[in-house]
Amino acid sequence: MNNILQIIMLVTALTLDAFVVSISYGADNIKIPFISNIVINTVCSSVLAVSLLFGGFFARFIPKGLSVTLCGGCLVVLGIIKLFDEHIKEYILKKRKRRGGKFLKYILNIYGDCTKADKDFSRVLNIPEAVLLALTLSIDSLAVGFGAGLGTMSVYAVFFCSVLFGLAAVILGVELGKKISDNLGDISWIGGVMLILLGAVKLIF
């Protein structure tokens, strides 16, 4: 039961990004077809699963007690970083023109402003655009998944929970965005708080 709660906390923290992004899309009247929703969450969940596997592979070479401590420590640090997510995005938007190739700049542009994924301004997120948005949303999953993989989470359970939670987050986010426009503000910091709590649970228990 404790492990299930930790999985739910991890997945919820990560899918909050998709929820916030979807609110922006709903507020801007950009549609996310169900097939694009599936693509987004399949890609995001796959990246999370792969990073969990890497974390689990690395954990086999260090003592169990140390791996759990590293897991908790990584999640706490990543949670603290995520608390400043909005400021990080503002910084990236200012600096994106100075560094990297065209593709990297495009990804950073989406990371700073998620609605930029609608490259053709069709007001509908097609499959290629959904893949690019998913890759951008997966940036956090790479680090968080590796850190969580140092613990004892089921990759299969995390993957399926991530897909289901993600699908629901996108649908609810778009519908909510249509109703409240941009009045909700940035709530991605909640994901940071949840990661800190999850890390603290790993460290204490």
N, C-alpha and C. Protein backbone atom coordinates (compact mmCIF):
# COMPACT_ATOMS: atom_id res chain seq x y z
N MET A 1 0.83 -1.22 0.00
CA MET A 1 0.00 0.00 0.00
C MET A 1 0.86 1.26 0.00
N ASN A 2 1.93 1.26 0.80
CA ASN A 2 2.83 2.40 0.87
C ASN A 2 3.47 2.68 -0.48
N ASN A 3 3.85 1.58 -1.18
CA ASN A 3 4.47 1.72 -2.49
C ASN A 3 3.49 2.28 -3.51
N ILE A 4 2.22 1.87 -3.42
CA ILE A 4 1.19 2.37 -4.33
C ILE A 4 1.00 3.87 -4.14
N LEU A 5 0.96 4.32 -2.89
CA LEU A 5 0.81 5.75 -2.60
C LEU A 5 1.99 6.54 -3.15
N GLN A 6 3.20 5.98 -3.04
CA GLN A 6 4.38 6.65 -3.57
C GLN A 6 4.32 6.76 -5.09
N ILE A 7 3.83 5.72 -5.74
CA ILE A 7 3.68 5.74 -7.20
C ILE A 7 2.67 6.81 -7.61
N ILE A 8 1.55 6.87 -6.87
CA ILE A 8 0.52 7.88 -7.17
C ILE A 8 1.08 9.29 -6.98
N MET A 9 1.86 9.50 -5.92
CA MET A 9 2.47 10.81 -5.68
C MET A 9 3.43 11.18 -6.79
N LEU A 10 4.27 10.23 -7.20
CA LEU A 10 5.24 10.48 -8.26
C LEU A 10 4.55 10.83 -9.57
N VAL A 11 3.59 10.01 -9.96
CA VAL A 11 2.89 10.22 -11.23
C VAL A 11 2.08 11.51 -11.22
N THR A 12 1.43 11.79 -10.10
CA THR A 12 0.66 13.03 -9.98
C THR A 12 1.55 14.25 -10.10
N ALA A 13 2.71 14.21 -9.45
CA ALA A 13 3.66 15.33 -9.51
C ALA A 13 4.09 15.60 -10.95
N LEU A 14 4.33 14.53 -11.72
CA LEU A 14 4.80 14.69 -13.09
C LEU A 14 3.68 15.07 -14.05
N THR A 15 2.48 14.53 -13.84
CA THR A 15 1.37 14.83 -14.76
C THR A 15 0.78 16.22 -14.51
N LEU A 16 1.16 16.85 -13.40
CA LEU A 16 0.70 18.23 -13.17
C LEU A 16 1.19 19.15 -14.28
N ASP A 17 2.39 18.86 -14.82
CA ASP A 17 2.91 19.66 -15.93
C ASP A 17 1.97 19.58 -17.13
N ALA A 18 1.54 18.37 -17.47
CA ALA A 18 0.62 18.18 -18.59
C ALA A 18 -0.71 18.87 -18.31
N PHE A 19 -1.14 18.85 -17.06
CA PHE A 19 -2.38 19.52 -16.66
C PHE A 19 -2.29 21.02 -16.87
N VAL A 20 -1.18 21.61 -16.41
CA VAL A 20 -0.97 23.06 -16.55
C VAL A 20 -0.88 23.45 -18.02
N VAL A 21 -0.15 22.64 -18.79
CA VAL A 21 0.00 22.90 -20.23
C VAL A 21 -1.37 22.86 -20.91
N SER A 22 -2.18 21.87 -20.55
CA SER A 22 -3.50 21.71 -21.16
C SER A 22 -4.43 22.86 -20.84
N ILE A 23 -4.29 23.42 -19.64
CA ILE A 23 -5.08 24.60 -19.28
C ILE A 23 -4.75 25.74 -20.23
N SER A 24 -3.46 25.92 -20.53
CA SER A 24 -3.03 26.97 -21.46
C SER A 24 -3.61 26.74 -22.85
N TYR A 25 -3.62 25.47 -23.27
CA TYR A 25 -4.18 25.15 -24.58
C TYR A 25 -5.68 25.42 -24.62
N GLY A 26 -6.37 25.04 -23.56
CA GLY A 26 -7.80 25.31 -23.50
C GLY A 26 -8.10 26.79 -23.48
N ALA A 27 -7.29 27.56 -22.74
CA ALA A 27 -7.48 29.01 -22.67
C ALA A 27 -7.24 29.67 -24.02
N ASP A 28 -6.32 29.11 -24.82
CA ASP A 28 -6.02 29.66 -26.14
C ASP A 28 -6.85 29.02 -27.25
N ASN A 29 -7.84 28.21 -26.86
CA ASN A 29 -8.71 27.52 -27.82
C ASN A 29 -7.94 26.66 -28.81
N ILE A 30 -6.88 26.00 -28.32
CA ILE A 30 -6.13 25.05 -29.14
C ILE A 30 -6.59 23.65 -28.75
N LYS A 31 -7.08 22.90 -29.73
CA LYS A 31 -7.62 21.57 -29.46
C LYS A 31 -6.51 20.53 -29.37
N ILE A 32 -6.69 19.58 -28.46
CA ILE A 32 -5.79 18.43 -28.37
C ILE A 32 -6.63 17.19 -28.65
N PRO A 33 -6.63 16.68 -29.90
CA PRO A 33 -7.41 15.48 -30.22
C PRO A 33 -6.99 14.31 -29.34
N PHE A 34 -7.91 13.36 -29.17
CA PHE A 34 -7.63 12.23 -28.27
C PHE A 34 -6.40 11.45 -28.72
N ILE A 35 -6.21 11.29 -30.04
CA ILE A 35 -5.03 10.56 -30.54
C ILE A 35 -3.75 11.30 -30.16
N SER A 36 -3.78 12.63 -30.20
CA SER A 36 -2.60 13.41 -29.79
C SER A 36 -2.37 13.28 -28.28
N ASN A 37 -3.47 13.21 -27.53
CA ASN A 37 -3.39 13.00 -26.09
C ASN A 37 -2.71 11.66 -25.80
N ILE A 38 -3.10 10.63 -26.54
CA ILE A 38 -2.49 9.30 -26.37
C ILE A 38 -1.00 9.36 -26.69
N VAL A 39 -0.65 10.04 -27.78
CA VAL A 39 0.76 10.17 -28.18
C VAL A 39 1.57 10.86 -27.09
N ILE A 40 1.05 11.98 -26.58
CA ILE A 40 1.74 12.75 -25.54
C ILE A 40 2.04 11.87 -24.33
N ASN A 41 1.03 11.16 -23.86
CA ASN A 41 1.20 10.40 -22.63
C ASN A 41 1.94 9.08 -22.82
N THR A 42 1.88 8.52 -24.02
CA THR A 42 2.68 7.33 -24.31
C THR A 42 4.16 7.68 -24.33
N VAL A 43 4.49 8.79 -24.98
CA VAL A 43 5.88 9.23 -25.04
C VAL A 43 6.39 9.60 -23.65
N CYS A 44 5.63 10.42 -22.93
CA CYS A 44 6.04 10.85 -21.58
C CYS A 44 6.23 9.65 -20.65
N SER A 45 5.28 8.73 -20.69
CA SER A 45 5.33 7.56 -19.80
C SER A 45 6.47 6.62 -20.19
N SER A 46 6.76 6.53 -21.48
CA SER A 46 7.86 5.68 -21.94
C SER A 46 9.21 6.24 -21.48
N VAL A 47 9.36 7.56 -21.59
CA VAL A 47 10.59 8.20 -21.12
C VAL A 47 10.75 7.99 -19.61
N LEU A 48 9.65 8.13 -18.88
CA LEU A 48 9.69 7.92 -17.43
C LEU A 48 10.07 6.48 -17.12
N ALA A 49 9.49 5.52 -17.84
CA ALA A 49 9.77 4.10 -17.60
C ALA A 49 11.24 3.77 -17.89
N VAL A 50 11.75 4.29 -18.99
CA VAL A 50 13.15 4.04 -19.36
C VAL A 50 14.10 4.62 -18.31
N SER A 51 13.80 5.84 -17.83
CA SER A 51 14.66 6.46 -16.81
C SER A 51 14.57 5.69 -15.50
N LEU A 52 13.40 5.13 -15.19
CA LEU A 52 13.27 4.28 -14.00
C LEU A 52 14.13 3.03 -14.13
N LEU A 53 14.14 2.44 -15.33
CA LEU A 53 14.96 1.25 -15.57
C LEU A 53 16.45 1.56 -15.40
N PHE A 54 16.87 2.71 -15.91
CA PHE A 54 18.27 3.12 -15.75
C PHE A 54 18.61 3.32 -14.28
N GLY A 55 17.69 3.96 -13.55
CA GLY A 55 17.90 4.16 -12.12
C GLY A 55 17.98 2.83 -11.38
N GLY A 56 17.08 1.90 -11.74
CA GLY A 56 17.08 0.58 -11.13
C GLY A 56 18.35 -0.20 -11.44
N PHE A 57 18.84 -0.06 -12.68
CA PHE A 57 20.09 -0.75 -13.08
C PHE A 57 21.27 -0.21 -12.27
N PHE A 58 21.33 1.11 -12.11
CA PHE A 58 22.40 1.73 -11.35
C PHE A 58 22.34 1.32 -9.88
N ALA A 59 21.10 1.17 -9.37
CA ALA A 59 20.91 0.84 -7.94
C ALA A 59 21.47 -0.53 -7.59
N ARG A 60 21.59 -1.41 -8.59
CA ARG A 60 22.09 -2.76 -8.31
C ARG A 60 23.57 -2.78 -7.92
N PHE A 61 24.27 -1.69 -8.22
CA PHE A 61 25.71 -1.64 -7.97
C PHE A 61 26.06 -0.90 -6.69
N ILE A 62 25.06 -0.47 -5.95
CA ILE A 62 25.32 0.23 -4.69
C ILE A 62 24.47 -0.41 -3.58
N PRO A 63 24.88 -0.31 -2.32
CA PRO A 63 24.13 -0.90 -1.21
C PRO A 63 22.69 -0.38 -1.18
N LYS A 64 21.76 -1.25 -0.76
CA LYS A 64 20.34 -0.91 -0.78
C LYS A 64 20.04 0.33 0.06
N GLY A 65 20.62 0.41 1.23
CA GLY A 65 20.38 1.56 2.10
C GLY A 65 20.81 2.86 1.45
N LEU A 66 21.96 2.81 0.78
CA LEU A 66 22.47 4.01 0.11
C LEU A 66 21.61 4.38 -1.08
N SER A 67 21.13 3.37 -1.82
CA SER A 67 20.30 3.65 -3.00
C SER A 67 18.99 4.33 -2.61
N VAL A 68 18.39 3.90 -1.49
CA VAL A 68 17.15 4.51 -1.02
C VAL A 68 17.41 5.95 -0.58
N THR A 69 18.54 6.18 0.09
CA THR A 69 18.91 7.53 0.51
C THR A 69 19.14 8.44 -0.69
N LEU A 70 19.84 7.92 -1.69
CA LEU A 70 20.07 8.69 -2.93
C LEU A 70 18.75 8.99 -3.62
N CYS A 71 17.86 8.00 -3.65
CA CYS A 71 16.55 8.18 -4.25
C CYS A 71 15.80 9.34 -3.58
N GLY A 72 15.72 9.29 -2.25
CA GLY A 72 15.03 10.35 -1.51
C GLY A 72 15.69 11.70 -1.70
N GLY A 73 17.03 11.72 -1.63
CA GLY A 73 17.77 12.97 -1.81
C GLY A 73 17.56 13.58 -3.18
N CYS A 74 17.59 12.74 -4.22
CA CYS A 74 17.38 13.22 -5.59
C CYS A 74 15.99 13.83 -5.75
N LEU A 75 14.98 13.15 -5.21
CA LEU A 75 13.61 13.64 -5.34
C LEU A 75 13.41 14.97 -4.60
N VAL A 76 14.03 15.10 -3.44
CA VAL A 76 13.93 16.36 -2.69
C VAL A 76 14.58 17.50 -3.47
N VAL A 77 15.79 17.26 -3.99
CA VAL A 77 16.51 18.28 -4.77
C VAL A 77 15.73 18.67 -6.02
N LEU A 78 15.22 17.68 -6.74
CA LEU A 78 14.45 17.95 -7.96
C LEU A 78 13.15 18.67 -7.63
N GLY A 79 12.57 18.34 -6.47
CA GLY A 79 11.36 19.03 -6.05
C GLY A 79 11.63 20.50 -5.75
N ILE A 80 12.75 20.78 -5.10
CA ILE A 80 13.14 22.17 -4.81
C ILE A 80 13.35 22.95 -6.11
N ILE A 81 14.03 22.31 -7.07
CA ILE A 81 14.24 22.95 -8.37
C ILE A 81 12.91 23.26 -9.05
N LYS A 82 11.97 22.31 -8.94
CA LYS A 82 10.67 22.48 -9.59
C LYS A 82 9.85 23.60 -8.96
N LEU A 83 10.13 23.93 -7.71
CA LEU A 83 9.44 25.05 -7.07
C LEU A 83 9.71 26.36 -7.82
N PHE A 84 10.87 26.41 -8.48
CA PHE A 84 11.27 27.62 -9.21
C PHE A 84 11.09 27.44 -10.72
N ASP A 85 10.20 26.52 -11.10
CA ASP A 85 9.98 26.18 -12.50
C ASP A 85 9.62 27.39 -13.35
N GLU A 86 8.75 28.23 -12.83
CA GLU A 86 8.29 29.40 -13.59
C GLU A 86 9.45 30.35 -13.87
N HIS A 87 10.33 30.56 -12.89
CA HIS A 87 11.48 31.45 -13.07
C HIS A 87 12.49 30.83 -14.04
N ILE A 88 12.64 29.51 -13.99
CA ILE A 88 13.55 28.82 -14.91
C ILE A 88 13.06 28.99 -16.34
N LYS A 89 11.75 28.86 -16.55
CA LYS A 89 11.17 29.01 -17.89
C LYS A 89 11.36 30.44 -18.40
N GLU A 90 11.20 31.41 -17.51
CA GLU A 90 11.41 32.81 -17.90
C GLU A 90 12.85 33.03 -18.34
N TYR A 91 13.79 32.42 -17.61
CA TYR A 91 15.21 32.54 -17.95
C TYR A 91 15.50 31.90 -19.31
N ILE A 92 14.92 30.71 -19.54
CA ILE A 92 15.12 30.01 -20.81
C ILE A 92 14.59 30.82 -21.97
N LEU A 93 13.42 31.45 -21.79
CA LEU A 93 12.84 32.27 -22.85
C LEU A 93 13.74 33.45 -23.22
N LYS A 94 14.46 33.99 -22.22
CA LYS A 94 15.36 35.11 -22.48
C LYS A 94 16.64 34.66 -23.18
N LYS A 95 17.11 33.44 -22.85
CA LYS A 95 18.41 32.98 -23.34
C LYS A 95 18.33 32.07 -24.55
N ARG A 96 17.14 31.64 -24.97
CA ARG A 96 17.02 30.58 -25.97
C ARG A 96 17.62 30.93 -27.33
N LYS A 97 17.68 32.21 -27.66
CA LYS A 97 18.18 32.62 -28.97
C LYS A 97 19.70 32.57 -29.07
N ARG A 98 20.37 32.44 -27.94
CA ARG A 98 21.82 32.55 -27.93
C ARG A 98 22.53 31.21 -28.05
N ARG A 99 21.82 30.09 -27.74
CA ARG A 99 22.51 28.81 -27.63
C ARG A 99 21.81 27.72 -28.43
N GLY A 100 22.63 26.73 -28.89
CA GLY A 100 22.10 25.51 -29.47
C GLY A 100 21.68 25.62 -30.91
N GLY A 101 21.37 24.46 -31.51
CA GLY A 101 20.91 24.40 -32.88
C GLY A 101 19.44 24.73 -32.99
N LYS A 102 18.92 24.61 -34.20
CA LYS A 102 17.54 25.00 -34.47
C LYS A 102 16.55 24.14 -33.69
N PHE A 103 16.79 22.81 -33.67
CA PHE A 103 15.87 21.91 -32.98
C PHE A 103 15.87 22.17 -31.47
N LEU A 104 17.08 22.34 -30.91
CA LEU A 104 17.20 22.60 -29.47
C LEU A 104 16.49 23.90 -29.11
N LYS A 105 16.67 24.92 -29.94
CA LYS A 105 16.01 26.21 -29.68
C LYS A 105 14.49 26.06 -29.72
N TYR A 106 14.01 25.22 -30.65
CA TYR A 106 12.57 24.99 -30.76
C TYR A 106 12.03 24.28 -29.51
N ILE A 107 12.77 23.27 -29.04
CA ILE A 107 12.37 22.55 -27.83
C ILE A 107 12.37 23.49 -26.62
N LEU A 108 13.42 24.31 -26.51
CA LEU A 108 13.50 25.27 -25.40
C LEU A 108 12.38 26.30 -25.48
N ASN A 109 12.03 26.66 -26.72
CA ASN A 109 10.94 27.61 -26.93
C ASN A 109 9.62 27.03 -26.42
N ILE A 110 9.39 25.74 -26.70
CA ILE A 110 8.19 25.07 -26.22
C ILE A 110 8.23 24.94 -24.70
N TYR A 111 9.42 24.63 -24.16
CA TYR A 111 9.56 24.49 -22.71
C TYR A 111 9.20 25.80 -22.01
N GLY A 112 9.58 26.91 -22.62
CA GLY A 112 9.28 28.22 -22.04
C GLY A 112 7.84 28.63 -22.24
N ASP A 113 7.26 28.25 -23.39
CA ASP A 113 5.86 28.58 -23.70
C ASP A 113 5.26 27.40 -24.44
N CYS A 114 4.52 26.57 -23.72
CA CYS A 114 4.03 25.29 -24.26
C CYS A 114 3.14 25.44 -25.49
N THR A 115 2.46 26.57 -25.63
CA THR A 115 1.55 26.74 -26.76
C THR A 115 2.30 26.89 -28.08
N LYS A 116 3.63 27.09 -28.02
CA LYS A 116 4.44 27.21 -29.23
C LYS A 116 4.54 25.87 -29.98
N ALA A 117 4.10 24.79 -29.35
CA ALA A 117 4.12 23.48 -30.02
C ALA A 117 3.18 23.47 -31.22
N ASP A 118 2.15 24.32 -31.18
CA ASP A 118 1.24 24.45 -32.33
C ASP A 118 1.94 25.28 -33.41
N LYS A 119 2.90 24.65 -34.06
CA LYS A 119 3.81 25.35 -34.97
C LYS A 119 3.10 25.93 -36.19
N ASP A 120 2.08 25.22 -36.70
CA ASP A 120 1.41 25.68 -37.91
C ASP A 120 0.21 26.60 -37.62
N PHE A 121 0.01 26.93 -36.34
CA PHE A 121 -1.07 27.85 -35.91
C PHE A 121 -2.45 27.38 -36.38
N SER A 122 -2.64 26.07 -36.43
CA SER A 122 -3.91 25.51 -36.89
C SER A 122 -4.95 25.47 -35.78
N ARG A 123 -4.53 25.74 -34.55
CA ARG A 123 -5.37 25.65 -33.35
C ARG A 123 -5.75 24.20 -33.03
N VAL A 124 -5.04 23.26 -33.67
CA VAL A 124 -5.22 21.83 -33.39
C VAL A 124 -3.83 21.21 -33.26
N LEU A 125 -3.57 20.52 -32.17
CA LEU A 125 -2.26 19.90 -31.96
C LEU A 125 -2.23 18.56 -32.70
N ASN A 126 -1.49 18.53 -33.82
CA ASN A 126 -1.41 17.28 -34.58
C ASN A 126 -0.38 16.33 -33.96
N ILE A 127 -0.22 15.15 -34.55
CA ILE A 127 0.64 14.12 -33.95
C ILE A 127 2.11 14.54 -33.88
N PRO A 128 2.72 15.06 -34.97
CA PRO A 128 4.12 15.50 -34.85
C PRO A 128 4.31 16.57 -33.78
N GLU A 129 3.36 17.51 -33.70
CA GLU A 129 3.44 18.55 -32.68
C GLU A 129 3.27 17.96 -31.28
N ALA A 130 2.43 16.93 -31.17
CA ALA A 130 2.23 16.26 -29.89
C ALA A 130 3.50 15.57 -29.43
N VAL A 131 4.24 14.98 -30.38
CA VAL A 131 5.51 14.32 -30.04
C VAL A 131 6.50 15.33 -29.49
N LEU A 132 6.61 16.49 -30.15
CA LEU A 132 7.53 17.53 -29.70
C LEU A 132 7.14 18.06 -28.32
N LEU A 133 5.85 18.25 -28.11
CA LEU A 133 5.38 18.70 -26.80
C LEU A 133 5.69 17.65 -25.73
N ALA A 134 5.48 16.37 -26.08
CA ALA A 134 5.75 15.27 -25.14
C ALA A 134 7.22 15.21 -24.76
N LEU A 135 8.10 15.39 -25.74
CA LEU A 135 9.54 15.38 -25.46
C LEU A 135 9.91 16.51 -24.51
N THR A 136 9.27 17.66 -24.70
CA THR A 136 9.52 18.79 -23.82
C THR A 136 9.02 18.51 -22.40
N LEU A 137 7.83 17.94 -22.31
CA LEU A 137 7.27 17.61 -20.99
C LEU A 137 8.06 16.50 -20.29
N SER A 138 8.81 15.71 -21.08
CA SER A 138 9.55 14.58 -20.53
C SER A 138 10.89 14.97 -19.91
N ILE A 139 11.28 16.22 -20.06
CA ILE A 139 12.57 16.66 -19.51
C ILE A 139 12.65 16.38 -18.00
N ASP A 140 11.58 16.73 -17.29
CA ASP A 140 11.55 16.48 -15.84
C ASP A 140 11.55 14.98 -15.54
N SER A 141 10.83 14.21 -16.38
CA SER A 141 10.70 12.77 -16.14
C SER A 141 12.04 12.05 -16.20
N LEU A 142 12.94 12.53 -17.04
CA LEU A 142 14.26 11.90 -17.15
C LEU A 142 14.98 11.89 -15.82
N ALA A 143 15.05 13.06 -15.19
CA ALA A 143 15.77 13.17 -13.92
C ALA A 143 14.99 12.54 -12.77
N VAL A 144 13.69 12.84 -12.71
CA VAL A 144 12.87 12.32 -11.61
C VAL A 144 12.77 10.80 -11.69
N GLY A 145 12.59 10.26 -12.91
CA GLY A 145 12.49 8.82 -13.08
C GLY A 145 13.76 8.11 -12.66
N PHE A 146 14.91 8.68 -13.00
CA PHE A 146 16.18 8.07 -12.60
C PHE A 146 16.31 8.05 -11.08
N GLY A 147 15.96 9.19 -10.46
CA GLY A 147 16.04 9.27 -9.01
C GLY A 147 15.09 8.29 -8.34
N ALA A 148 13.85 8.20 -8.85
CA ALA A 148 12.87 7.28 -8.28
C ALA A 148 13.28 5.83 -8.53
N GLY A 149 13.96 5.58 -9.65
CA GLY A 149 14.39 4.23 -9.98
C GLY A 149 15.42 3.68 -9.02
N LEU A 150 16.07 4.55 -8.27
CA LEU A 150 17.03 4.11 -7.26
C LEU A 150 16.32 3.44 -6.08
N GLY A 151 15.01 3.66 -5.99
CA GLY A 151 14.21 3.03 -4.94
C GLY A 151 13.63 1.71 -5.43
N THR A 152 12.42 1.41 -5.01
CA THR A 152 11.82 0.11 -5.34
C THR A 152 10.44 0.28 -5.96
N MET A 153 10.33 1.06 -7.00
CA MET A 153 9.04 1.25 -7.66
C MET A 153 8.90 0.32 -8.86
N SER A 154 7.69 -0.20 -9.07
CA SER A 154 7.41 -1.06 -10.21
C SER A 154 7.33 -0.23 -11.48
N VAL A 155 8.17 -0.55 -12.45
CA VAL A 155 8.18 0.20 -13.71
C VAL A 155 6.83 0.07 -14.42
N TYR A 156 6.27 -1.14 -14.43
CA TYR A 156 5.00 -1.37 -15.11
C TYR A 156 3.87 -0.57 -14.47
N ALA A 157 3.83 -0.56 -13.14
CA ALA A 157 2.78 0.17 -12.43
C ALA A 157 2.91 1.67 -12.68
N VAL A 158 4.14 2.18 -12.64
CA VAL A 158 4.37 3.60 -12.89
C VAL A 158 3.97 3.96 -14.31
N PHE A 159 4.33 3.11 -15.28
CA PHE A 159 4.01 3.39 -16.68
C PHE A 159 2.50 3.49 -16.89
N PHE A 160 1.76 2.49 -16.44
CA PHE A 160 0.31 2.48 -16.66
C PHE A 160 -0.40 3.58 -15.88
N CYS A 161 0.04 3.85 -14.66
CA CYS A 161 -0.53 4.96 -13.89
C CYS A 161 -0.25 6.29 -14.57
N SER A 162 0.96 6.42 -15.11
CA SER A 162 1.35 7.65 -15.79
C SER A 162 0.49 7.90 -17.02
N VAL A 163 0.23 6.85 -17.80
CA VAL A 163 -0.61 6.98 -18.99
C VAL A 163 -2.03 7.38 -18.60
N LEU A 164 -2.60 6.68 -17.64
CA LEU A 164 -3.99 6.95 -17.23
C LEU A 164 -4.14 8.33 -16.61
N PHE A 165 -3.24 8.67 -15.68
CA PHE A 165 -3.30 9.98 -15.03
C PHE A 165 -3.06 11.09 -16.06
N GLY A 166 -2.13 10.85 -16.97
CA GLY A 166 -1.81 11.84 -17.99
C GLY A 166 -2.96 12.11 -18.93
N LEU A 167 -3.64 11.04 -19.39
CA LEU A 167 -4.80 11.20 -20.27
C LEU A 167 -5.88 12.04 -19.59
N ALA A 168 -6.14 11.72 -18.32
CA ALA A 168 -7.15 12.46 -17.56
C ALA A 168 -6.72 13.91 -17.34
N ALA A 169 -5.43 14.13 -17.06
CA ALA A 169 -4.93 15.48 -16.80
C ALA A 169 -5.09 16.38 -18.02
N VAL A 170 -4.80 15.84 -19.21
CA VAL A 170 -4.92 16.64 -20.44
C VAL A 170 -6.38 16.98 -20.71
N ILE A 171 -7.27 15.99 -20.61
CA ILE A 171 -8.70 16.24 -20.87
C ILE A 171 -9.27 17.26 -19.90
N LEU A 172 -8.99 17.08 -18.61
CA LEU A 172 -9.50 18.00 -17.59
C LEU A 172 -8.88 19.38 -17.74
N GLY A 173 -7.58 19.42 -18.05
CA GLY A 173 -6.89 20.70 -18.20
C GLY A 173 -7.45 21.54 -19.33
N VAL A 174 -7.68 20.91 -20.48
CA VAL A 174 -8.23 21.63 -21.64
C VAL A 174 -9.62 22.18 -21.32
N GLU A 175 -10.46 21.34 -20.72
CA GLU A 175 -11.82 21.78 -20.39
C GLU A 175 -11.81 22.89 -19.35
N LEU A 176 -10.92 22.78 -18.37
CA LEU A 176 -10.81 23.82 -17.35
C LEU A 176 -10.30 25.11 -17.96
N GLY A 177 -9.34 25.00 -18.87
CA GLY A 177 -8.78 26.19 -19.53
C GLY A 177 -9.81 26.95 -20.32
N LYS A 178 -10.76 26.25 -20.93
CA LYS A 178 -11.83 26.90 -21.70
C LYS A 178 -12.72 27.76 -20.80
N LYS A 179 -12.84 27.33 -19.55
CA LYS A 179 -13.77 28.00 -18.64
C LYS A 179 -13.14 29.14 -17.84
N ILE A 180 -11.89 28.96 -17.46
CA ILE A 180 -11.28 29.96 -16.56
C ILE A 180 -10.22 30.81 -17.23
N SER A 181 -9.93 30.53 -18.49
CA SER A 181 -8.90 31.25 -19.23
C SER A 181 -7.58 31.15 -18.48
N ASP A 182 -6.85 32.23 -18.29
CA ASP A 182 -5.53 32.19 -17.65
C ASP A 182 -5.58 32.61 -16.18
N ASN A 183 -6.77 32.63 -15.58
CA ASN A 183 -6.89 33.15 -14.22
C ASN A 183 -6.32 32.25 -13.14
N LEU A 184 -6.06 30.99 -13.47
CA LEU A 184 -5.58 30.05 -12.46
C LEU A 184 -4.14 30.33 -12.04
N GLY A 185 -3.34 30.85 -12.97
CA GLY A 185 -1.94 31.10 -12.65
C GLY A 185 -1.11 29.83 -12.71
N ASP A 186 0.15 29.93 -12.34
CA ASP A 186 1.05 28.78 -12.39
C ASP A 186 0.89 27.93 -11.14
N ILE A 187 0.62 26.63 -11.35
CA ILE A 187 0.47 25.72 -10.20
C ILE A 187 1.48 24.57 -10.28
N SER A 188 2.47 24.70 -11.17
CA SER A 188 3.46 23.63 -11.32
C SER A 188 4.28 23.43 -10.04
N TRP A 189 4.32 24.46 -9.18
CA TRP A 189 5.06 24.34 -7.92
C TRP A 189 4.49 23.25 -7.02
N ILE A 190 3.20 22.92 -7.23
CA ILE A 190 2.59 21.85 -6.43
C ILE A 190 3.31 20.53 -6.68
N GLY A 191 3.72 20.31 -7.95
CA GLY A 191 4.48 19.12 -8.29
C GLY A 191 5.80 19.07 -7.52
N GLY A 192 6.42 20.24 -7.36
CA GLY A 192 7.66 20.33 -6.60
C GLY A 192 7.45 19.94 -5.15
N VAL A 193 6.35 20.42 -4.56
CA VAL A 193 6.04 20.08 -3.17
C VAL A 193 5.83 18.57 -3.02
N MET A 194 5.14 17.97 -4.00
CA MET A 194 4.86 16.54 -3.93
C MET A 194 6.14 15.72 -4.06
N LEU A 195 7.06 16.17 -4.91
CA LEU A 195 8.34 15.46 -5.04
C LEU A 195 9.16 15.57 -3.75
N ILE A 196 9.11 16.73 -3.12
CA ILE A 196 9.83 16.92 -1.84
C ILE A 196 9.25 15.99 -0.77
N LEU A 197 7.92 15.91 -0.72
CA LEU A 197 7.26 15.03 0.25
C LEU A 197 7.60 13.56 -0.02
N LEU A 198 7.58 13.20 -1.30
CA LEU A 198 7.91 11.81 -1.67
C LEU A 198 9.35 11.48 -1.29
N GLY A 199 10.26 12.43 -1.57
CA GLY A 199 11.66 12.23 -1.19
C GLY A 199 11.83 12.12 0.31
N ALA A 200 11.09 12.94 1.05
CA ALA A 200 11.16 12.90 2.51
C ALA A 200 10.67 11.56 3.05
N VAL A 201 9.60 11.03 2.44
CA VAL A 201 9.09 9.71 2.84
C VAL A 201 10.16 8.65 2.64
N LYS A 202 10.86 8.73 1.49
CA LYS A 202 11.93 7.75 1.21
C LYS A 202 13.06 7.86 2.24
N LEU A 203 13.40 9.07 2.61
CA LEU A 203 14.51 9.29 3.54
C LEU A 203 14.16 8.87 4.97
N ILE A 204 12.91 9.14 5.37
CA ILE A 204 12.51 8.89 6.76
C ILE A 204 12.09 7.43 6.98
N PHE A 205 11.36 6.88 6.01
CA PHE A 205 10.81 5.54 6.21
C PHE A 205 11.56 4.50 5.36
